[in-house]
Amino acid sequence: MTWIYLLIAGTFEVAWATTMKLSHGFSNLKFTLLTIIGMIASFGFLALALKKLPLGIAYPIWTGIGAVGSILIGLILFKDKVPPLTWLFIACLVVGIIGIKVTSGHKDDTVF
């Protein structure tokens, strides 16, 4: 379950970042509350993952999922523009996330 917790934590990180943007500087109560709920859920699932994973493994994967997920949400939902060269660095993030997971030595669950 450790890797599943980490994946859920990263997904909630994307959710709270998205709802924070939608809150328009915390002026929209609904999205402000969703941001807070998403943060609590994200940190809660990260805490569960950290019970078994080292910080140096869990934290970069968590932030990497959040970074790549937020980029994708920005593209899809907010029509953000990403320069072509930036895609190279996004790919580097994805390769790094996978590489950290694969080489971590923690194989209690296989998620990604």
N, C-alpha and C. Protein backbone atom coordinates (compact mmCIF):
# COMPACT_ATOMS: atom_id res chain seq x y z
N MET A 1 0.81 -1.20 0.00
CA MET A 1 0.00 0.00 0.00
C MET A 1 0.85 1.27 0.00
N THR A 2 2.12 1.15 0.35
CA THR A 2 2.97 2.33 0.48
C THR A 2 3.02 3.15 -0.79
N TRP A 3 3.24 2.49 -1.92
CA TRP A 3 3.34 3.21 -3.19
C TRP A 3 1.98 3.77 -3.62
N ILE A 4 0.93 3.06 -3.28
CA ILE A 4 -0.41 3.57 -3.59
C ILE A 4 -0.68 4.84 -2.79
N TYR A 5 -0.30 4.83 -1.50
CA TYR A 5 -0.44 6.04 -0.69
C TYR A 5 0.32 7.20 -1.31
N LEU A 6 1.52 6.93 -1.80
CA LEU A 6 2.32 8.00 -2.40
C LEU A 6 1.68 8.51 -3.69
N LEU A 7 1.15 7.62 -4.49
CA LEU A 7 0.46 8.03 -5.72
C LEU A 7 -0.78 8.87 -5.40
N ILE A 8 -1.53 8.46 -4.39
CA ILE A 8 -2.71 9.23 -3.97
C ILE A 8 -2.28 10.60 -3.45
N ALA A 9 -1.22 10.63 -2.66
CA ALA A 9 -0.71 11.91 -2.13
C ALA A 9 -0.34 12.86 -3.26
N GLY A 10 0.34 12.33 -4.28
CA GLY A 10 0.72 13.16 -5.44
C GLY A 10 -0.49 13.64 -6.21
N THR A 11 -1.50 12.80 -6.31
CA THR A 11 -2.73 13.18 -7.00
C THR A 11 -3.45 14.30 -6.25
N PHE A 12 -3.49 14.18 -4.93
CA PHE A 12 -4.11 15.26 -4.14
C PHE A 12 -3.28 16.54 -4.21
N GLU A 13 -1.97 16.42 -4.40
CA GLU A 13 -1.15 17.62 -4.57
C GLU A 13 -1.57 18.37 -5.83
N VAL A 14 -1.79 17.62 -6.90
CA VAL A 14 -2.28 18.24 -8.14
C VAL A 14 -3.65 18.87 -7.91
N ALA A 15 -4.50 18.18 -7.17
CA ALA A 15 -5.85 18.69 -6.91
C ALA A 15 -5.81 19.99 -6.13
N TRP A 16 -5.00 20.04 -5.07
CA TRP A 16 -5.00 21.28 -4.28
C TRP A 16 -4.34 22.43 -5.03
N ALA A 17 -3.34 22.14 -5.84
CA ALA A 17 -2.73 23.22 -6.64
C ALA A 17 -3.76 23.77 -7.63
N THR A 18 -4.53 22.88 -8.22
CA THR A 18 -5.56 23.29 -9.18
C THR A 18 -6.64 24.12 -8.51
N THR A 19 -7.14 23.63 -7.37
CA THR A 19 -8.21 24.37 -6.70
C THR A 19 -7.69 25.69 -6.12
N MET A 20 -6.40 25.74 -5.78
CA MET A 20 -5.85 27.01 -5.31
C MET A 20 -5.88 28.04 -6.43
N LYS A 21 -5.55 27.62 -7.65
CA LYS A 21 -5.65 28.54 -8.79
C LYS A 21 -7.10 28.99 -8.99
N LEU A 22 -8.01 28.03 -8.89
CA LEU A 22 -9.42 28.33 -9.08
C LEU A 22 -10.00 29.19 -7.95
N SER A 23 -9.31 29.25 -6.82
CA SER A 23 -9.80 30.06 -5.70
C SER A 23 -9.56 31.55 -5.91
N HIS A 24 -8.78 31.89 -6.94
CA HIS A 24 -8.49 33.30 -7.26
C HIS A 24 -7.96 34.05 -6.03
N GLY A 25 -6.83 33.53 -5.52
CA GLY A 25 -6.22 34.19 -4.37
C GLY A 25 -7.01 34.00 -3.09
N PHE A 26 -7.66 32.86 -2.97
CA PHE A 26 -8.48 32.51 -1.81
C PHE A 26 -9.69 33.43 -1.64
N SER A 27 -10.16 34.00 -2.74
CA SER A 27 -11.35 34.84 -2.68
C SER A 27 -12.63 34.06 -2.98
N ASN A 28 -12.50 32.84 -3.48
CA ASN A 28 -13.66 31.98 -3.75
C ASN A 28 -13.69 30.91 -2.66
N LEU A 29 -14.67 30.99 -1.77
CA LEU A 29 -14.72 30.12 -0.59
C LEU A 29 -14.75 28.64 -0.95
N LYS A 30 -15.54 28.27 -1.95
CA LYS A 30 -15.66 26.86 -2.33
C LYS A 30 -14.30 26.28 -2.70
N PHE A 31 -13.56 26.97 -3.56
CA PHE A 31 -12.27 26.45 -3.99
C PHE A 31 -11.20 26.61 -2.91
N THR A 32 -11.36 27.58 -2.05
CA THR A 32 -10.45 27.72 -0.90
C THR A 32 -10.59 26.51 0.02
N LEU A 33 -11.83 26.13 0.31
CA LEU A 33 -12.06 24.96 1.16
C LEU A 33 -11.56 23.68 0.49
N LEU A 34 -11.79 23.55 -0.81
CA LEU A 34 -11.27 22.38 -1.54
C LEU A 34 -9.75 22.34 -1.52
N THR A 35 -9.11 23.50 -1.58
CA THR A 35 -7.65 23.57 -1.50
C THR A 35 -7.18 23.04 -0.15
N ILE A 36 -7.80 23.48 0.91
CA ILE A 36 -7.40 23.05 2.25
C ILE A 36 -7.62 21.56 2.43
N ILE A 37 -8.75 21.06 1.96
CA ILE A 37 -9.04 19.62 2.04
C ILE A 37 -8.00 18.83 1.24
N GLY A 38 -7.69 19.32 0.04
CA GLY A 38 -6.69 18.65 -0.79
C GLY A 38 -5.31 18.64 -0.14
N MET A 39 -4.95 19.74 0.50
CA MET A 39 -3.65 19.81 1.19
C MET A 39 -3.59 18.80 2.34
N ILE A 40 -4.65 18.78 3.13
CA ILE A 40 -4.69 17.84 4.26
C ILE A 40 -4.60 16.40 3.76
N ALA A 41 -5.36 16.07 2.71
CA ALA A 41 -5.33 14.72 2.16
C ALA A 41 -3.95 14.39 1.59
N SER A 42 -3.37 15.34 0.87
CA SER A 42 -2.05 15.13 0.27
C SER A 42 -1.00 14.86 1.34
N PHE A 43 -0.97 15.72 2.35
CA PHE A 43 0.01 15.53 3.44
C PHE A 43 -0.29 14.27 4.24
N GLY A 44 -1.56 13.95 4.42
CA GLY A 44 -1.92 12.75 5.16
C GLY A 44 -1.44 11.48 4.46
N PHE A 45 -1.68 11.39 3.15
CA PHE A 45 -1.23 10.21 2.42
C PHE A 45 0.30 10.18 2.31
N LEU A 46 0.93 11.34 2.20
CA LEU A 46 2.39 11.38 2.21
C LEU A 46 2.91 10.86 3.55
N ALA A 47 2.28 11.26 4.64
CA ALA A 47 2.69 10.78 5.96
C ALA A 47 2.57 9.26 6.06
N LEU A 48 1.52 8.70 5.49
CA LEU A 48 1.36 7.25 5.50
C LEU A 48 2.48 6.57 4.70
N ALA A 49 2.81 7.15 3.55
CA ALA A 49 3.88 6.58 2.73
C ALA A 49 5.23 6.69 3.44
N LEU A 50 5.43 7.77 4.19
CA LEU A 50 6.70 7.97 4.88
C LEU A 50 6.91 7.02 6.06
N LYS A 51 5.88 6.31 6.45
CA LYS A 51 6.06 5.31 7.50
C LYS A 51 7.01 4.21 7.04
N LYS A 52 7.00 3.91 5.73
CA LYS A 52 7.84 2.83 5.22
C LYS A 52 8.89 3.28 4.22
N LEU A 53 8.67 4.40 3.58
CA LEU A 53 9.62 4.88 2.58
C LEU A 53 10.55 5.94 3.18
N PRO A 54 11.80 5.94 2.75
CA PRO A 54 12.70 7.01 3.20
C PRO A 54 12.25 8.35 2.61
N LEU A 55 12.51 9.41 3.34
CA LEU A 55 12.15 10.76 2.89
C LEU A 55 12.77 11.07 1.53
N GLY A 56 14.02 10.65 1.33
CA GLY A 56 14.72 10.94 0.08
C GLY A 56 14.15 10.22 -1.13
N ILE A 57 13.29 9.25 -0.91
CA ILE A 57 12.58 8.56 -2.00
C ILE A 57 11.18 9.14 -2.16
N ALA A 58 10.45 9.22 -1.05
CA ALA A 58 9.04 9.62 -1.10
C ALA A 58 8.86 11.07 -1.53
N TYR A 59 9.65 11.97 -0.96
CA TYR A 59 9.43 13.39 -1.24
C TYR A 59 9.66 13.76 -2.70
N PRO A 60 10.77 13.34 -3.33
CA PRO A 60 10.93 13.70 -4.74
C PRO A 60 9.86 13.10 -5.65
N ILE A 61 9.41 11.90 -5.34
CA ILE A 61 8.36 11.29 -6.16
C ILE A 61 7.05 12.06 -5.97
N TRP A 62 6.74 12.41 -4.73
CA TRP A 62 5.52 13.17 -4.42
C TRP A 62 5.52 14.51 -5.16
N THR A 63 6.62 15.24 -5.05
CA THR A 63 6.68 16.54 -5.72
C THR A 63 6.73 16.38 -7.23
N GLY A 64 7.35 15.32 -7.71
CA GLY A 64 7.41 15.08 -9.15
C GLY A 64 6.04 14.79 -9.74
N ILE A 65 5.27 13.97 -9.03
CA ILE A 65 3.89 13.70 -9.47
C ILE A 65 3.11 15.01 -9.49
N GLY A 66 3.28 15.81 -8.44
CA GLY A 66 2.59 17.10 -8.38
C GLY A 66 3.01 18.03 -9.50
N ALA A 67 4.30 18.07 -9.80
CA ALA A 67 4.80 18.97 -10.85
C ALA A 67 4.29 18.56 -12.22
N VAL A 68 4.47 17.30 -12.56
CA VAL A 68 4.05 16.83 -13.89
C VAL A 68 2.52 16.89 -14.00
N GLY A 69 1.82 16.48 -12.95
CA GLY A 69 0.36 16.54 -12.98
C GLY A 69 -0.16 17.96 -13.13
N SER A 70 0.49 18.90 -12.44
CA SER A 70 0.07 20.30 -12.54
C SER A 70 0.33 20.88 -13.92
N ILE A 71 1.42 20.46 -14.52
CA ILE A 71 1.69 20.90 -15.90
C ILE A 71 0.58 20.40 -16.83
N LEU A 72 0.22 19.14 -16.68
CA LEU A 72 -0.82 18.57 -17.54
C LEU A 72 -2.17 19.24 -17.30
N ILE A 73 -2.52 19.49 -16.05
CA ILE A 73 -3.77 20.19 -15.74
C ILE A 73 -3.74 21.60 -16.32
N GLY A 74 -2.59 22.27 -16.21
CA GLY A 74 -2.45 23.61 -16.78
C GLY A 74 -2.69 23.61 -18.28
N LEU A 75 -2.16 22.59 -18.96
CA LEU A 75 -2.35 22.47 -20.40
C LEU A 75 -3.81 22.22 -20.75
N ILE A 76 -4.42 21.29 -20.04
CA ILE A 76 -5.77 20.85 -20.39
C ILE A 76 -6.83 21.84 -19.91
N LEU A 77 -6.75 22.23 -18.64
CA LEU A 77 -7.82 23.02 -18.04
C LEU A 77 -7.65 24.52 -18.25
N PHE A 78 -6.40 24.97 -18.17
CA PHE A 78 -6.16 26.42 -18.23
C PHE A 78 -5.53 26.87 -19.54
N LYS A 79 -5.36 25.94 -20.46
CA LYS A 79 -4.81 26.25 -21.80
C LYS A 79 -3.42 26.92 -21.71
N ASP A 80 -2.64 26.49 -20.70
CA ASP A 80 -1.27 27.00 -20.58
C ASP A 80 -0.47 26.61 -21.83
N LYS A 81 0.47 27.41 -22.16
CA LYS A 81 1.36 27.14 -23.30
C LYS A 81 2.71 26.65 -22.76
N VAL A 82 3.20 25.58 -23.34
CA VAL A 82 4.49 25.03 -22.94
C VAL A 82 5.40 25.06 -24.16
N PRO A 83 6.50 25.80 -24.06
CA PRO A 83 7.43 25.85 -25.19
C PRO A 83 7.99 24.46 -25.51
N PRO A 84 8.31 24.20 -26.77
CA PRO A 84 8.79 22.86 -27.16
C PRO A 84 9.97 22.35 -26.34
N LEU A 85 10.94 23.20 -26.04
CA LEU A 85 12.10 22.75 -25.28
C LEU A 85 11.71 22.34 -23.85
N THR A 86 10.67 22.95 -23.33
CA THR A 86 10.21 22.61 -21.98
C THR A 86 9.76 21.16 -21.90
N TRP A 87 9.23 20.63 -23.00
CA TRP A 87 8.81 19.22 -23.02
C TRP A 87 9.97 18.28 -22.72
N LEU A 88 11.16 18.65 -23.15
CA LEU A 88 12.35 17.85 -22.85
C LEU A 88 12.54 17.76 -21.33
N PHE A 89 12.39 18.87 -20.65
CA PHE A 89 12.58 18.89 -19.20
C PHE A 89 11.44 18.21 -18.47
N ILE A 90 10.24 18.28 -19.01
CA ILE A 90 9.12 17.52 -18.44
C ILE A 90 9.40 16.03 -18.56
N ALA A 91 9.91 15.63 -19.70
CA ALA A 91 10.28 14.22 -19.89
C ALA A 91 11.37 13.81 -18.90
N CYS A 92 12.31 14.70 -18.65
CA CYS A 92 13.35 14.41 -17.66
C CYS A 92 12.75 14.20 -16.27
N LEU A 93 11.74 15.00 -15.92
CA LEU A 93 11.05 14.81 -14.64
C LEU A 93 10.41 13.43 -14.57
N VAL A 94 9.71 13.05 -15.62
CA VAL A 94 9.04 11.74 -15.64
C VAL A 94 10.07 10.62 -15.53
N VAL A 95 11.14 10.71 -16.30
CA VAL A 95 12.19 9.69 -16.23
C VAL A 95 12.79 9.65 -14.82
N GLY A 96 12.99 10.82 -14.23
CA GLY A 96 13.54 10.88 -12.88
C GLY A 96 12.63 10.25 -11.85
N ILE A 97 11.33 10.51 -11.94
CA ILE A 97 10.36 9.92 -11.02
C ILE A 97 10.39 8.40 -11.14
N ILE A 98 10.33 7.91 -12.35
CA ILE A 98 10.35 6.46 -12.58
C ILE A 98 11.67 5.88 -12.11
N GLY A 99 12.76 6.57 -12.42
CA GLY A 99 14.07 6.08 -12.02
C GLY A 99 14.23 5.99 -10.52
N ILE A 100 13.74 6.98 -9.80
CA ILE A 100 13.83 6.94 -8.33
C ILE A 100 13.02 5.76 -7.79
N LYS A 101 11.83 5.56 -8.34
CA LYS A 101 10.99 4.45 -7.88
C LYS A 101 11.65 3.11 -8.18
N VAL A 102 12.13 2.94 -9.39
CA VAL A 102 12.70 1.66 -9.80
C VAL A 102 13.97 1.32 -9.02
N THR A 103 14.76 2.31 -8.71
CA THR A 103 16.04 2.04 -8.05
C THR A 103 15.97 2.17 -6.53
N SER A 104 14.78 2.42 -5.99
CA SER A 104 14.66 2.65 -4.55
C SER A 104 14.89 1.41 -3.70
N GLY A 105 14.65 0.25 -4.27
CA GLY A 105 14.80 -0.98 -3.50
C GLY A 105 13.58 -1.32 -2.66
N HIS A 106 12.54 -0.51 -2.69
CA HIS A 106 11.31 -0.78 -1.94
C HIS A 106 10.29 -1.37 -2.89
N LYS A 107 10.02 -2.66 -2.71
CA LYS A 107 9.17 -3.37 -3.66
C LYS A 107 7.94 -3.97 -2.99
N ASP A 108 7.42 -3.34 -1.94
CA ASP A 108 6.27 -3.93 -1.27
C ASP A 108 5.00 -3.84 -2.10
N ASP A 109 4.93 -2.92 -3.03
CA ASP A 109 3.81 -2.77 -3.97
C ASP A 109 4.38 -2.34 -5.30
N THR A 110 3.75 -2.74 -6.37
CA THR A 110 4.15 -2.23 -7.68
C THR A 110 3.01 -1.40 -8.21
N VAL A 111 3.23 -0.10 -8.31
CA VAL A 111 2.19 0.80 -8.79
C VAL A 111 2.58 1.40 -10.11
N PHE A 112 3.77 1.95 -10.20
CA PHE A 112 4.20 2.59 -11.42
C PHE A 112 5.66 2.39 -11.62
